[in-house]
Protein backbone atom coordinates (compact mmCIF):
# COMPACT_ATOMS: atom_id res chain seq x y z
CA MET A 1 38.65 -63.05 -61.04
CA ALA A 2 38.92 -66.35 -59.21
CA PRO A 3 35.78 -68.02 -57.88
CA ASP A 4 34.91 -67.32 -54.27
CA PRO A 5 36.53 -70.07 -52.18
CA LEU A 6 33.76 -69.76 -49.56
CA PHE A 7 31.06 -70.93 -51.98
CA VAL A 8 32.63 -73.14 -54.64
CA ASP A 9 32.79 -76.17 -52.36
CA GLU A 10 29.94 -78.66 -52.76
CA ASP A 11 29.77 -78.97 -48.97
CA VAL A 12 28.44 -75.40 -48.97
CA LEU A 13 26.40 -75.53 -52.17
CA ASP A 14 24.46 -78.69 -51.36
CA PRO A 15 22.86 -77.28 -48.19
CA ALA A 16 22.04 -74.08 -50.10
CA ARG A 17 20.30 -76.08 -52.82
CA ALA A 18 18.13 -78.09 -50.41
CA PRO A 19 15.61 -75.35 -49.47
CA VAL A 20 15.47 -74.17 -53.08
CA GLU A 21 14.58 -77.64 -54.27
CA SER A 22 11.95 -78.06 -51.56
CA THR A 23 9.80 -75.15 -52.71
CA GLY A 24 8.67 -73.58 -55.95
CA ARG A 25 9.13 -70.11 -54.48
CA ALA A 26 12.91 -69.88 -54.26
CA GLU A 27 15.85 -69.64 -56.61
CA LEU A 28 19.57 -70.00 -56.01
CA PHE A 29 21.75 -67.62 -57.98
CA LEU A 30 25.49 -68.14 -58.21
CA TYR A 31 27.63 -65.26 -59.37
CA ALA A 32 30.50 -66.97 -61.16
CA GLY A 33 33.87 -65.41 -60.65
CA ARG A 34 32.63 -63.03 -57.97
CA GLN A 35 34.30 -62.52 -54.64
CA HIS A 36 32.50 -62.92 -51.34
CA LEU A 37 30.73 -59.69 -50.31
CA PHE A 38 30.83 -58.26 -53.85
CA ALA A 39 27.67 -56.29 -53.02
CA HIS A 40 29.19 -54.41 -50.08
CA SER A 41 30.01 -50.97 -51.47
CA ALA A 42 32.60 -50.18 -48.82
CA LEU A 43 34.84 -53.12 -49.74
CA PRO A 44 37.40 -53.47 -52.55
CA ALA A 45 35.50 -56.51 -53.94
CA TYR A 46 32.43 -54.33 -54.70
CA GLU A 47 31.13 -54.74 -58.26
CA THR A 48 28.42 -52.29 -59.27
CA ALA A 49 26.72 -54.38 -61.98
CA ALA A 50 26.73 -57.61 -59.97
CA ALA A 51 25.44 -55.79 -56.88
CA ALA A 52 22.63 -54.23 -58.90
CA LEU A 53 21.63 -57.64 -60.28
CA LEU A 54 21.67 -59.12 -56.79
CA THR A 55 19.45 -56.30 -55.52
CA GLN A 56 17.05 -56.73 -58.43
CA ARG A 57 16.81 -60.48 -57.87
CA SER A 58 16.26 -60.23 -54.14
CA ARG A 59 13.35 -57.80 -54.17
CA LEU A 60 9.93 -59.21 -53.49
CA PRO A 61 7.40 -58.71 -56.26
CA GLN A 62 4.83 -56.01 -55.60
CA THR A 63 1.27 -57.25 -55.19
CA PRO A 64 -1.62 -55.20 -56.53
């Protein structure tokens, strides 16, 4: 699968990296070879494994 043309451009990636680099509480995950909206189950680009990983990564840790 070809990389997502909406996010492979450095003009888009650089602004996304800025807030991540400014704090120790954020991470930027890029899903190589994935299409835009791969986590939307109603679209043809949906990928179960990648969507599950995205969901896992985006959940806030539970505090005791």
